N, C-alpha and C. Protein backbone atom coordinates (compact mmCIF):
# COMPACT_ATOMS: atom_id res chain seq x y z
N UNK A 1 -44.65 8.23 67.96
CA UNK A 1 -46.06 7.86 68.13
C UNK A 1 -46.13 6.43 68.67
N UNK A 2 -46.71 6.29 69.85
CA UNK A 2 -46.82 4.98 70.47
C UNK A 2 -47.94 4.19 69.81
N UNK A 3 -47.71 2.93 69.68
CA UNK A 3 -48.77 2.05 69.19
C UNK A 3 -48.49 0.64 69.65
N UNK A 4 -49.51 -0.17 69.68
CA UNK A 4 -49.34 -1.55 70.07
C UNK A 4 -48.81 -2.35 68.87
N UNK A 5 -47.93 -3.30 69.18
CA UNK A 5 -47.43 -4.15 68.12
C UNK A 5 -48.54 -5.06 67.61
N UNK A 6 -48.59 -5.21 66.31
CA UNK A 6 -49.57 -6.10 65.71
C UNK A 6 -49.13 -7.55 65.92
N UNK A 7 -50.10 -8.45 65.79
CA UNK A 7 -49.81 -9.87 66.01
C UNK A 7 -48.72 -10.36 65.08
N UNK A 8 -48.80 -9.95 63.81
CA UNK A 8 -47.80 -10.43 62.85
C UNK A 8 -46.41 -9.87 63.15
N UNK A 9 -46.34 -8.67 63.71
CA UNK A 9 -45.06 -8.09 64.07
C UNK A 9 -44.43 -8.85 65.24
N UNK A 10 -45.27 -9.22 66.19
CA UNK A 10 -44.78 -10.01 67.33
C UNK A 10 -44.28 -11.37 66.85
N UNK A 11 -45.06 -11.98 65.95
CA UNK A 11 -44.67 -13.29 65.42
C UNK A 11 -43.36 -13.20 64.66
N UNK A 12 -43.18 -12.12 63.89
CA UNK A 12 -41.96 -11.94 63.12
C UNK A 12 -40.76 -11.77 64.05
N UNK A 13 -40.92 -10.96 65.09
CA UNK A 13 -39.83 -10.74 66.04
C UNK A 13 -39.47 -12.04 66.75
N UNK A 14 -40.49 -12.82 67.11
CA UNK A 14 -40.27 -14.10 67.78
C UNK A 14 -39.55 -15.06 66.84
N UNK A 15 -39.98 -15.05 65.57
CA UNK A 15 -39.34 -15.93 64.60
C UNK A 15 -37.88 -15.58 64.39
N UNK A 16 -37.59 -14.28 64.34
CA UNK A 16 -36.20 -13.84 64.17
C UNK A 16 -35.34 -14.24 65.36
N UNK A 17 -35.91 -14.14 66.56
CA UNK A 17 -35.19 -14.53 67.76
C UNK A 17 -34.86 -16.01 67.73
N UNK A 18 -35.84 -16.82 67.35
CA UNK A 18 -35.61 -18.27 67.26
C UNK A 18 -34.53 -18.56 66.22
N UNK A 19 -34.59 -17.84 65.07
CA UNK A 19 -33.61 -18.07 64.01
C UNK A 19 -32.20 -17.76 64.48
N UNK A 20 -32.05 -16.66 65.25
CA UNK A 20 -30.73 -16.29 65.75
C UNK A 20 -30.19 -17.34 66.71
N UNK A 21 -31.05 -17.78 67.64
CA UNK A 21 -30.63 -18.78 68.62
C UNK A 21 -30.31 -20.11 67.94
N UNK A 22 -31.22 -20.54 67.04
CA UNK A 22 -31.01 -21.81 66.34
C UNK A 22 -29.78 -21.73 65.45
N UNK A 23 -29.60 -20.57 64.79
CA UNK A 23 -28.45 -20.41 63.91
C UNK A 23 -27.14 -20.51 64.68
N UNK A 24 -27.09 -19.94 65.86
CA UNK A 24 -25.89 -20.01 66.69
C UNK A 24 -25.59 -21.44 67.08
N UNK A 25 -26.65 -22.17 67.47
CA UNK A 25 -26.48 -23.58 67.89
C UNK A 25 -26.05 -24.45 66.72
N UNK A 26 -26.73 -24.31 65.56
CA UNK A 26 -26.40 -25.12 64.41
C UNK A 26 -25.00 -24.80 63.90
N UNK A 27 -24.67 -23.50 63.90
CA UNK A 27 -23.34 -23.11 63.44
C UNK A 27 -22.25 -23.69 64.32
N UNK A 28 -22.49 -23.72 65.61
CA UNK A 28 -21.50 -24.28 66.54
C UNK A 28 -21.36 -25.78 66.32
N UNK A 29 -22.49 -26.46 66.09
CA UNK A 29 -22.46 -27.91 65.89
C UNK A 29 -21.69 -28.26 64.60
N UNK A 30 -21.94 -27.50 63.55
CA UNK A 30 -21.23 -27.73 62.28
C UNK A 30 -19.75 -27.42 62.43
N UNK A 31 -19.43 -26.33 63.16
CA UNK A 31 -18.02 -25.94 63.35
C UNK A 31 -17.26 -27.02 64.10
N UNK A 32 -17.88 -27.60 65.12
CA UNK A 32 -17.22 -28.67 65.88
C UNK A 32 -16.95 -29.87 64.99
N UNK A 33 -17.92 -30.18 64.11
CA UNK A 33 -17.72 -31.29 63.19
C UNK A 33 -16.63 -30.95 62.17
N UNK A 34 -16.64 -29.70 61.66
CA UNK A 34 -15.64 -29.29 60.68
C UNK A 34 -14.24 -29.36 61.27
N UNK A 35 -14.11 -29.13 62.57
CA UNK A 35 -12.81 -29.19 63.23
C UNK A 35 -12.34 -30.63 63.44
N UNK A 36 -13.14 -31.60 62.98
CA UNK A 36 -12.78 -33.01 63.16
C UNK A 36 -12.44 -33.70 61.84
N UNK A 37 -12.61 -32.99 60.72
CA UNK A 37 -12.38 -33.62 59.42
C UNK A 37 -11.60 -32.70 58.48
N UNK A 38 -11.02 -33.30 57.46
CA UNK A 38 -10.45 -32.57 56.33
C UNK A 38 -11.19 -33.05 55.09
N UNK A 39 -11.88 -32.15 54.43
CA UNK A 39 -12.65 -32.53 53.25
C UNK A 39 -11.73 -32.70 52.04
N UNK A 40 -12.30 -33.26 50.98
CA UNK A 40 -11.55 -33.48 49.75
C UNK A 40 -12.37 -32.93 48.60
N UNK A 41 -11.76 -32.11 47.75
CA UNK A 41 -12.48 -31.40 46.70
C UNK A 41 -11.67 -31.52 45.42
N UNK A 42 -12.22 -32.21 44.42
CA UNK A 42 -11.54 -32.40 43.14
C UNK A 42 -12.36 -31.72 42.05
N UNK A 43 -11.72 -30.86 41.25
CA UNK A 43 -12.41 -30.14 40.20
C UNK A 43 -11.86 -30.58 38.85
N UNK A 44 -12.76 -31.03 37.98
CA UNK A 44 -12.36 -31.53 36.66
C UNK A 44 -12.02 -30.39 35.71
N UNK A 45 -11.29 -30.72 34.66
CA UNK A 45 -10.95 -29.74 33.63
C UNK A 45 -12.21 -29.20 32.95
N UNK A 46 -13.15 -30.11 32.64
CA UNK A 46 -14.39 -29.71 31.97
C UNK A 46 -15.48 -30.72 32.30
N UNK A 47 -16.65 -30.54 31.71
CA UNK A 47 -17.76 -31.46 31.94
C UNK A 47 -17.83 -32.56 30.88
N UNK A 48 -16.84 -32.66 30.02
CA UNK A 48 -16.85 -33.74 29.03
C UNK A 48 -16.78 -35.09 29.73
N UNK A 49 -17.29 -36.10 29.08
CA UNK A 49 -17.30 -37.44 29.69
C UNK A 49 -15.88 -37.90 30.00
N UNK A 50 -14.94 -37.61 29.10
CA UNK A 50 -13.55 -38.04 29.30
C UNK A 50 -12.93 -37.31 30.50
N UNK A 51 -13.17 -36.01 30.61
CA UNK A 51 -12.59 -35.25 31.72
C UNK A 51 -13.21 -35.63 33.05
N UNK A 52 -14.49 -35.98 33.04
CA UNK A 52 -15.13 -36.41 34.28
C UNK A 52 -14.60 -37.77 34.73
N UNK A 53 -14.37 -38.66 33.78
CA UNK A 53 -13.77 -39.96 34.12
C UNK A 53 -12.35 -39.77 34.63
N UNK A 54 -11.61 -38.85 34.02
CA UNK A 54 -10.25 -38.56 34.47
C UNK A 54 -10.26 -38.03 35.89
N UNK A 55 -11.22 -37.19 36.20
CA UNK A 55 -11.35 -36.63 37.56
C UNK A 55 -11.43 -37.75 38.59
N UNK A 56 -12.23 -38.78 38.32
CA UNK A 56 -12.39 -39.87 39.28
C UNK A 56 -11.11 -40.70 39.42
N UNK A 57 -10.40 -40.86 38.32
CA UNK A 57 -9.13 -41.59 38.37
C UNK A 57 -8.10 -40.80 39.19
N UNK A 58 -8.07 -39.48 38.99
CA UNK A 58 -7.17 -38.64 39.79
C UNK A 58 -7.56 -38.70 41.25
N UNK A 59 -8.85 -38.64 41.52
CA UNK A 59 -9.35 -38.75 42.90
C UNK A 59 -8.79 -39.99 43.59
N UNK A 60 -8.93 -41.13 42.94
CA UNK A 60 -8.50 -42.38 43.58
C UNK A 60 -7.00 -42.40 43.84
N UNK A 61 -6.21 -41.90 42.89
CA UNK A 61 -4.76 -41.92 43.06
C UNK A 61 -4.33 -40.96 44.18
N UNK A 62 -4.92 -39.78 44.20
CA UNK A 62 -4.54 -38.79 45.22
C UNK A 62 -4.97 -39.28 46.61
N UNK A 63 -6.16 -39.85 46.72
CA UNK A 63 -6.61 -40.38 48.01
C UNK A 63 -5.67 -41.48 48.51
N UNK A 64 -5.29 -42.38 47.62
CA UNK A 64 -4.39 -43.47 48.01
C UNK A 64 -3.04 -42.92 48.45
N UNK A 65 -2.54 -41.90 47.73
CA UNK A 65 -1.26 -41.30 48.09
C UNK A 65 -1.36 -40.56 49.43
N UNK A 66 -2.50 -39.90 49.64
CA UNK A 66 -2.70 -39.18 50.91
C UNK A 66 -2.70 -40.15 52.08
N UNK A 67 -3.42 -41.27 51.94
CA UNK A 67 -3.47 -42.24 53.03
C UNK A 67 -2.08 -42.79 53.35
N UNK A 68 -1.25 -42.90 52.32
CA UNK A 68 0.09 -43.46 52.52
C UNK A 68 1.00 -42.53 53.31
N UNK A 69 0.71 -41.22 53.29
CA UNK A 69 1.61 -40.28 53.99
C UNK A 69 1.14 -39.96 55.40
N UNK A 70 -0.07 -40.40 55.78
CA UNK A 70 -0.51 -40.15 57.14
C UNK A 70 0.31 -40.99 58.11
N UNK A 71 0.74 -40.42 59.23
CA UNK A 71 1.40 -41.23 60.26
C UNK A 71 0.42 -42.29 60.80
N UNK A 72 0.95 -43.36 61.35
CA UNK A 72 0.09 -44.39 61.91
C UNK A 72 -0.71 -43.81 63.08
N UNK A 73 -1.99 -44.12 63.10
CA UNK A 73 -2.91 -43.61 64.13
C UNK A 73 -2.86 -42.08 64.22
N UNK A 74 -2.83 -41.45 63.06
CA UNK A 74 -2.68 -39.99 63.00
C UNK A 74 -3.85 -39.26 63.63
N UNK A 75 -3.56 -38.16 64.28
CA UNK A 75 -4.58 -37.23 64.73
C UNK A 75 -4.89 -36.30 63.57
N UNK A 76 -5.93 -35.48 63.73
CA UNK A 76 -6.29 -34.53 62.68
C UNK A 76 -5.12 -33.58 62.40
N UNK A 77 -4.49 -33.05 63.45
CA UNK A 77 -3.37 -32.12 63.26
C UNK A 77 -2.21 -32.79 62.54
N UNK A 78 -1.94 -34.05 62.88
CA UNK A 78 -0.84 -34.77 62.23
C UNK A 78 -1.16 -35.02 60.76
N UNK A 79 -2.42 -35.35 60.49
CA UNK A 79 -2.82 -35.59 59.10
C UNK A 79 -2.73 -34.31 58.29
N UNK A 80 -3.17 -33.19 58.87
CA UNK A 80 -3.11 -31.92 58.16
C UNK A 80 -1.67 -31.51 57.90
N UNK A 81 -0.81 -31.71 58.88
CA UNK A 81 0.61 -31.38 58.69
C UNK A 81 1.23 -32.25 57.59
N UNK A 82 0.84 -33.53 57.55
CA UNK A 82 1.35 -34.43 56.51
C UNK A 82 0.90 -33.97 55.13
N UNK A 83 -0.36 -33.57 55.01
CA UNK A 83 -0.85 -33.08 53.73
C UNK A 83 -0.14 -31.79 53.32
N UNK A 84 -0.01 -30.86 54.27
CA UNK A 84 0.65 -29.58 53.97
C UNK A 84 2.09 -29.80 53.51
N UNK A 85 2.75 -30.78 54.09
CA UNK A 85 4.15 -31.04 53.74
C UNK A 85 4.34 -31.84 52.47
N UNK A 86 3.23 -32.35 51.90
CA UNK A 86 3.36 -33.21 50.72
C UNK A 86 2.42 -32.77 49.59
N UNK A 87 2.07 -31.50 49.54
CA UNK A 87 1.16 -31.03 48.48
C UNK A 87 1.75 -31.25 47.09
N UNK A 88 3.05 -31.05 46.95
CA UNK A 88 3.69 -31.29 45.65
C UNK A 88 3.60 -32.76 45.26
N UNK A 89 3.76 -33.64 46.25
CA UNK A 89 3.67 -35.08 46.00
C UNK A 89 2.26 -35.46 45.56
N UNK A 90 1.25 -34.86 46.21
CA UNK A 90 -0.14 -35.16 45.86
C UNK A 90 -0.49 -34.63 44.47
N UNK A 91 0.00 -33.43 44.15
CA UNK A 91 -0.23 -32.90 42.81
C UNK A 91 0.45 -33.79 41.76
N UNK A 92 1.65 -34.28 42.09
CA UNK A 92 2.37 -35.16 41.17
C UNK A 92 1.61 -36.46 40.96
N UNK A 93 0.97 -36.96 42.01
CA UNK A 93 0.17 -38.18 41.87
C UNK A 93 -0.96 -37.95 40.87
N UNK A 94 -1.60 -36.78 40.95
CA UNK A 94 -2.64 -36.47 39.99
C UNK A 94 -2.11 -36.35 38.58
N UNK A 95 -0.95 -35.71 38.42
CA UNK A 95 -0.36 -35.55 37.08
C UNK A 95 0.03 -36.90 36.48
N UNK A 96 0.44 -37.84 37.34
CA UNK A 96 0.78 -39.18 36.85
C UNK A 96 -0.41 -39.78 36.11
N UNK A 97 -1.59 -39.67 36.72
CA UNK A 97 -2.80 -40.22 36.11
C UNK A 97 -3.12 -39.50 34.81
N UNK A 98 -3.02 -38.18 34.84
CA UNK A 98 -3.31 -37.38 33.64
C UNK A 98 -2.41 -37.81 32.49
N UNK A 99 -1.12 -37.95 32.76
CA UNK A 99 -0.17 -38.33 31.70
C UNK A 99 -0.39 -39.77 31.26
N UNK A 100 -0.71 -40.66 32.21
CA UNK A 100 -0.96 -42.06 31.85
C UNK A 100 -2.13 -42.19 30.89
N UNK A 101 -3.10 -41.26 31.01
CA UNK A 101 -4.28 -41.32 30.15
C UNK A 101 -4.15 -40.44 28.91
N UNK A 102 -2.93 -39.93 28.67
CA UNK A 102 -2.66 -39.24 27.43
C UNK A 102 -3.00 -37.76 27.39
N UNK A 103 -3.13 -37.12 28.55
CA UNK A 103 -3.44 -35.69 28.59
C UNK A 103 -2.23 -34.92 29.13
N UNK A 104 -2.27 -33.61 28.95
CA UNK A 104 -1.17 -32.80 29.46
C UNK A 104 -1.68 -31.69 30.38
N UNK A 105 -2.82 -31.91 31.04
CA UNK A 105 -3.36 -30.90 31.95
C UNK A 105 -2.45 -30.73 33.16
N UNK A 106 -2.29 -29.51 33.62
CA UNK A 106 -1.60 -29.31 34.91
C UNK A 106 -2.53 -29.76 36.04
N UNK A 107 -1.95 -30.10 37.18
CA UNK A 107 -2.72 -30.49 38.36
C UNK A 107 -2.13 -29.75 39.56
N UNK A 108 -2.99 -29.10 40.33
CA UNK A 108 -2.51 -28.41 41.54
C UNK A 108 -3.19 -29.00 42.77
N UNK A 109 -2.52 -28.89 43.91
CA UNK A 109 -3.08 -29.38 45.17
C UNK A 109 -2.81 -28.32 46.24
N UNK A 110 -3.83 -28.02 47.04
CA UNK A 110 -3.69 -27.02 48.09
C UNK A 110 -4.61 -27.36 49.25
N UNK A 111 -4.32 -26.79 50.41
CA UNK A 111 -5.22 -26.89 51.56
C UNK A 111 -5.88 -25.53 51.73
N UNK A 112 -7.21 -25.49 51.66
CA UNK A 112 -7.93 -24.23 51.71
C UNK A 112 -9.17 -24.36 52.58
N UNK A 113 -9.68 -23.21 52.98
CA UNK A 113 -10.96 -23.16 53.68
C UNK A 113 -12.04 -23.00 52.61
N UNK A 114 -12.93 -23.99 52.49
CA UNK A 114 -13.95 -23.99 51.44
C UNK A 114 -15.33 -24.19 52.02
N UNK A 115 -16.34 -23.62 51.35
CA UNK A 115 -17.73 -23.87 51.74
C UNK A 115 -18.25 -25.04 50.94
N UNK A 116 -18.88 -25.99 51.65
CA UNK A 116 -19.44 -27.18 51.01
C UNK A 116 -20.94 -27.23 51.25
N UNK A 117 -21.71 -27.63 50.24
CA UNK A 117 -23.14 -27.87 50.47
C UNK A 117 -23.32 -29.19 51.22
N UNK A 118 -24.54 -29.47 51.67
CA UNK A 118 -24.83 -30.76 52.29
C UNK A 118 -24.56 -31.86 51.27
N UNK A 119 -23.88 -32.90 51.70
CA UNK A 119 -23.57 -34.02 50.81
C UNK A 119 -23.84 -35.35 51.52
N UNK A 120 -24.51 -36.26 50.81
CA UNK A 120 -24.75 -37.61 51.32
C UNK A 120 -23.83 -38.58 50.61
N UNK A 121 -23.23 -39.46 51.40
CA UNK A 121 -22.34 -40.47 50.87
C UNK A 121 -22.87 -41.84 51.29
N UNK A 122 -22.13 -42.87 50.99
CA UNK A 122 -22.59 -44.23 51.33
C UNK A 122 -22.40 -44.46 52.83
N UNK A 123 -23.49 -44.40 53.57
CA UNK A 123 -23.44 -44.67 55.00
C UNK A 123 -23.30 -43.46 55.89
N UNK A 124 -23.11 -42.27 55.30
CA UNK A 124 -23.01 -41.08 56.14
C UNK A 124 -23.28 -39.83 55.30
N UNK A 125 -23.43 -38.71 55.97
CA UNK A 125 -23.63 -37.43 55.30
C UNK A 125 -22.95 -36.35 56.12
N UNK A 126 -22.65 -35.24 55.46
CA UNK A 126 -22.02 -34.11 56.14
C UNK A 126 -22.82 -32.84 55.85
N UNK A 127 -23.05 -32.03 56.89
CA UNK A 127 -23.85 -30.82 56.70
C UNK A 127 -23.09 -29.73 55.97
N UNK A 128 -23.84 -28.80 55.39
CA UNK A 128 -23.25 -27.66 54.71
C UNK A 128 -22.44 -26.81 55.69
N UNK A 129 -21.42 -26.15 55.18
CA UNK A 129 -20.63 -25.26 56.02
C UNK A 129 -19.21 -25.14 55.51
N UNK A 130 -18.41 -24.40 56.23
CA UNK A 130 -17.00 -24.22 55.89
C UNK A 130 -16.15 -25.33 56.49
N UNK A 131 -15.24 -25.86 55.67
CA UNK A 131 -14.35 -26.92 56.11
C UNK A 131 -12.96 -26.66 55.54
N UNK A 132 -11.94 -27.12 56.25
CA UNK A 132 -10.60 -27.19 55.65
C UNK A 132 -10.63 -28.32 54.64
N UNK A 133 -10.09 -28.07 53.44
CA UNK A 133 -10.20 -29.07 52.38
C UNK A 133 -8.90 -29.21 51.62
N UNK A 134 -8.60 -30.45 51.25
CA UNK A 134 -7.56 -30.73 50.27
C UNK A 134 -8.21 -30.50 48.90
N UNK A 135 -7.76 -29.49 48.18
CA UNK A 135 -8.39 -29.09 46.92
C UNK A 135 -7.47 -29.40 45.75
N UNK A 136 -7.95 -30.22 44.83
CA UNK A 136 -7.18 -30.62 43.66
C UNK A 136 -7.88 -30.09 42.40
N UNK A 137 -7.16 -29.33 41.60
CA UNK A 137 -7.73 -28.75 40.38
C UNK A 137 -6.99 -29.34 39.18
N UNK A 138 -7.78 -29.85 38.24
CA UNK A 138 -7.23 -30.46 37.03
C UNK A 138 -7.44 -29.50 35.86
N UNK A 139 -6.35 -29.16 35.17
CA UNK A 139 -6.45 -28.31 34.00
C UNK A 139 -7.06 -26.96 34.32
N UNK A 140 -8.09 -26.58 33.53
CA UNK A 140 -8.74 -25.28 33.71
C UNK A 140 -9.70 -25.26 34.90
N UNK A 141 -10.01 -26.43 35.45
CA UNK A 141 -10.88 -26.48 36.62
C UNK A 141 -12.27 -25.91 36.37
N UNK A 142 -12.83 -26.17 35.20
CA UNK A 142 -14.15 -25.63 34.85
C UNK A 142 -15.24 -26.70 34.83
N UNK A 143 -14.91 -27.91 35.23
CA UNK A 143 -15.88 -28.99 35.20
C UNK A 143 -16.56 -29.21 36.54
N UNK A 144 -17.50 -30.15 36.55
CA UNK A 144 -18.19 -30.50 37.79
C UNK A 144 -17.17 -31.05 38.79
N UNK A 145 -17.41 -30.72 40.05
CA UNK A 145 -16.45 -31.14 41.07
C UNK A 145 -16.96 -32.34 41.86
N UNK A 146 -16.11 -32.83 42.73
CA UNK A 146 -16.41 -34.03 43.51
C UNK A 146 -15.95 -33.77 44.93
N UNK A 147 -16.85 -34.04 45.89
CA UNK A 147 -16.56 -33.78 47.30
C UNK A 147 -16.54 -35.08 48.09
N UNK A 148 -15.68 -35.15 49.07
CA UNK A 148 -15.77 -36.22 50.06
C UNK A 148 -14.90 -35.84 51.26
N UNK A 149 -14.27 -36.85 51.88
CA UNK A 149 -13.49 -36.62 53.09
C UNK A 149 -12.10 -37.22 52.92
N UNK A 150 -11.07 -36.39 53.10
CA UNK A 150 -9.69 -36.88 53.00
C UNK A 150 -9.23 -37.49 54.32
N UNK A 151 -9.71 -36.91 55.45
CA UNK A 151 -9.35 -37.45 56.76
C UNK A 151 -10.47 -37.16 57.76
N UNK A 152 -10.92 -38.20 58.51
CA UNK A 152 -10.58 -39.60 58.38
C UNK A 152 -10.89 -40.10 56.96
N UNK A 153 -10.16 -41.08 56.46
CA UNK A 153 -10.35 -41.52 55.07
C UNK A 153 -11.65 -42.31 54.90
N UNK A 154 -12.72 -41.60 54.60
CA UNK A 154 -14.05 -42.21 54.53
C UNK A 154 -14.60 -42.31 53.11
N UNK A 155 -13.83 -41.87 52.11
CA UNK A 155 -14.36 -41.80 50.75
C UNK A 155 -14.53 -43.18 50.13
N UNK A 156 -15.64 -43.34 49.43
CA UNK A 156 -15.92 -44.57 48.72
C UNK A 156 -14.87 -44.75 47.62
N UNK A 157 -14.35 -45.96 47.48
CA UNK A 157 -13.37 -46.22 46.44
C UNK A 157 -11.96 -46.27 46.99
N UNK A 158 -11.72 -45.49 48.07
CA UNK A 158 -10.38 -45.52 48.66
C UNK A 158 -10.47 -45.54 50.18
N UNK A 159 -11.66 -45.84 50.70
CA UNK A 159 -11.86 -45.75 52.15
C UNK A 159 -11.16 -46.89 52.87
N UNK A 160 -10.49 -46.54 53.96
CA UNK A 160 -9.92 -47.56 54.82
C UNK A 160 -10.65 -47.57 56.15
N UNK A 161 -11.57 -46.64 56.34
CA UNK A 161 -12.32 -46.57 57.60
C UNK A 161 -13.80 -46.39 57.32
N UNK A 162 -14.61 -46.89 58.24
CA UNK A 162 -16.03 -46.57 58.25
C UNK A 162 -16.23 -45.53 59.35
N UNK A 163 -17.43 -44.98 59.42
CA UNK A 163 -17.69 -44.02 60.49
C UNK A 163 -17.52 -44.69 61.85
N UNK A 164 -17.93 -45.96 61.98
CA UNK A 164 -17.76 -46.67 63.25
C UNK A 164 -16.28 -46.77 63.62
N UNK A 165 -15.44 -47.04 62.64
CA UNK A 165 -14.01 -47.13 62.91
C UNK A 165 -13.44 -45.76 63.27
N UNK A 166 -13.96 -44.71 62.61
CA UNK A 166 -13.52 -43.36 62.95
C UNK A 166 -13.92 -43.00 64.37
N UNK A 167 -15.09 -43.47 64.80
CA UNK A 167 -15.52 -43.26 66.19
C UNK A 167 -14.58 -43.96 67.15
N UNK A 168 -14.25 -45.21 66.83
CA UNK A 168 -13.36 -45.99 67.71
C UNK A 168 -11.98 -45.34 67.80
N UNK A 169 -11.55 -44.72 66.70
CA UNK A 169 -10.24 -44.07 66.69
C UNK A 169 -10.26 -42.70 67.36
N UNK A 170 -11.45 -42.25 67.73
CA UNK A 170 -11.56 -40.96 68.41
C UNK A 170 -11.64 -39.77 67.49
N UNK A 171 -11.85 -40.00 66.17
CA UNK A 171 -11.95 -38.88 65.24
C UNK A 171 -13.28 -38.13 65.40
N UNK A 172 -14.33 -38.85 65.80
CA UNK A 172 -15.64 -38.25 66.02
C UNK A 172 -16.09 -38.51 67.45
N UNK A 173 -16.84 -37.56 68.01
CA UNK A 173 -17.51 -37.83 69.28
C UNK A 173 -18.77 -38.65 68.97
N UNK A 174 -19.37 -39.30 69.98
CA UNK A 174 -20.61 -40.03 69.73
C UNK A 174 -21.70 -39.16 69.12
N UNK A 175 -21.82 -37.91 69.57
CA UNK A 175 -22.83 -37.01 69.00
C UNK A 175 -22.54 -36.70 67.54
N UNK A 176 -21.27 -36.51 67.20
CA UNK A 176 -20.91 -36.24 65.81
C UNK A 176 -21.17 -37.48 64.94
N UNK A 177 -20.86 -38.65 65.49
CA UNK A 177 -21.13 -39.88 64.75
C UNK A 177 -22.61 -40.05 64.48
N UNK A 178 -23.43 -39.74 65.47
CA UNK A 178 -24.88 -39.83 65.30
C UNK A 178 -25.37 -38.82 64.27
N UNK A 179 -24.76 -37.64 64.27
CA UNK A 179 -25.16 -36.60 63.32
C UNK A 179 -24.89 -37.03 61.89
N UNK A 180 -23.67 -37.51 61.61
CA UNK A 180 -23.30 -37.80 60.22
C UNK A 180 -23.95 -39.08 59.69
N UNK A 181 -24.32 -40.00 60.59
CA UNK A 181 -24.96 -41.23 60.14
C UNK A 181 -26.47 -41.17 60.20
N UNK A 182 -27.01 -40.08 60.76
CA UNK A 182 -28.47 -39.96 60.85
C UNK A 182 -29.05 -40.83 61.94
N UNK A 183 -28.23 -41.23 62.91
CA UNK A 183 -28.70 -42.09 64.00
C UNK A 183 -29.37 -41.22 65.06
N UNK A 184 -30.54 -40.78 64.76
CA UNK A 184 -31.26 -39.90 65.68
C UNK A 184 -32.32 -39.13 64.93
N UNK A 185 -33.25 -38.56 65.63
CA UNK A 185 -34.36 -37.87 65.00
C UNK A 185 -33.94 -36.47 64.55
N UNK A 186 -34.47 -36.08 63.39
CA UNK A 186 -34.34 -34.71 62.96
C UNK A 186 -33.04 -34.33 62.30
N UNK A 187 -32.18 -35.31 61.97
CA UNK A 187 -30.88 -34.90 61.42
C UNK A 187 -31.03 -34.32 60.02
N UNK A 188 -32.01 -34.78 59.24
CA UNK A 188 -32.22 -34.21 57.91
C UNK A 188 -32.64 -32.75 58.03
N UNK A 189 -33.53 -32.46 58.98
CA UNK A 189 -33.96 -31.09 59.22
C UNK A 189 -32.77 -30.24 59.67
N UNK A 190 -31.92 -30.79 60.52
CA UNK A 190 -30.73 -30.06 60.96
C UNK A 190 -29.85 -29.69 59.77
N UNK A 191 -29.62 -30.67 58.89
CA UNK A 191 -28.75 -30.43 57.75
C UNK A 191 -29.32 -29.35 56.85
N UNK A 192 -30.65 -29.42 56.60
CA UNK A 192 -31.27 -28.42 55.75
C UNK A 192 -31.18 -27.03 56.39
N UNK A 193 -31.35 -26.99 57.69
CA UNK A 193 -31.27 -25.71 58.39
C UNK A 193 -29.84 -25.17 58.33
N UNK A 194 -28.83 -26.05 58.47
CA UNK A 194 -27.44 -25.62 58.37
C UNK A 194 -27.14 -25.07 56.98
N UNK A 195 -27.68 -25.74 55.96
CA UNK A 195 -27.43 -25.28 54.59
C UNK A 195 -28.08 -23.92 54.36
N UNK A 196 -29.33 -23.76 54.83
CA UNK A 196 -30.02 -22.48 54.69
C UNK A 196 -29.27 -21.38 55.42
N UNK A 197 -28.79 -21.69 56.61
CA UNK A 197 -28.02 -20.72 57.39
C UNK A 197 -26.77 -20.30 56.63
N UNK A 198 -26.07 -21.26 56.04
CA UNK A 198 -24.87 -20.94 55.28
C UNK A 198 -25.17 -20.08 54.06
N UNK A 199 -26.28 -20.36 53.38
CA UNK A 199 -26.66 -19.56 52.22
C UNK A 199 -27.01 -18.14 52.62
N UNK A 200 -27.71 -17.98 53.74
CA UNK A 200 -28.06 -16.65 54.22
C UNK A 200 -26.82 -15.87 54.62
N UNK A 201 -25.89 -16.55 55.29
CA UNK A 201 -24.64 -15.89 55.66
C UNK A 201 -23.87 -15.44 54.43
N UNK A 202 -23.88 -16.28 53.39
CA UNK A 202 -23.21 -15.93 52.15
C UNK A 202 -23.82 -14.71 51.49
N UNK A 203 -25.14 -14.59 51.55
CA UNK A 203 -25.81 -13.43 50.97
C UNK A 203 -25.42 -12.16 51.70
N UNK A 204 -25.37 -12.21 53.05
CA UNK A 204 -25.00 -11.03 53.82
C UNK A 204 -23.54 -10.64 53.57
N UNK A 205 -22.66 -11.68 53.41
CA UNK A 205 -21.24 -11.39 53.19
C UNK A 205 -21.01 -10.70 51.85
N UNK A 206 -21.89 -10.95 50.86
CA UNK A 206 -21.73 -10.36 49.54
C UNK A 206 -22.20 -8.90 49.50
N UNK A 207 -23.00 -8.49 50.50
CA UNK A 207 -23.54 -7.13 50.50
C UNK A 207 -22.51 -6.13 51.01
């Protein structure tokens, strides 16, 4: 039975078309950025105050150890290879802190593909999406986690680079630098849209 499309049906179809096009563009932009960094993900044993403080101490030691194993003027591939070849060393660095503070939790370190929500840091932010990450789990890994960037080393507390220095070193393109620092209009809206897109994709993947 032929019938004319109603106004709301046309609007819905148009909205879906825009969402598909925008989603493809935003996904590509996030993917290009993800291919330029290695995230850092530390999961505490529990949410107790002591375990959360221990998580931060482990974070600082592992970040410092990671920076020490990067080749001079390392590229992303060189940094990733260095991390992959020293995961036992990085886990041992975390265990050193655990034992120094009187605990006997195991510590593991791995490189994995992980989904991260949008996160704001001091001077920059990163959009939601999938990233390769150095993942450190302390004990049972049931506590609140901590996210940042292992390479380029931008994390507060152990950072040796700023975003400007990462740009100079060629780790980010000018467009990527503008995106993560918010140097331009609409970056907050972009980040929110990327996060929504990731959540929608996650819902479809679960079905």
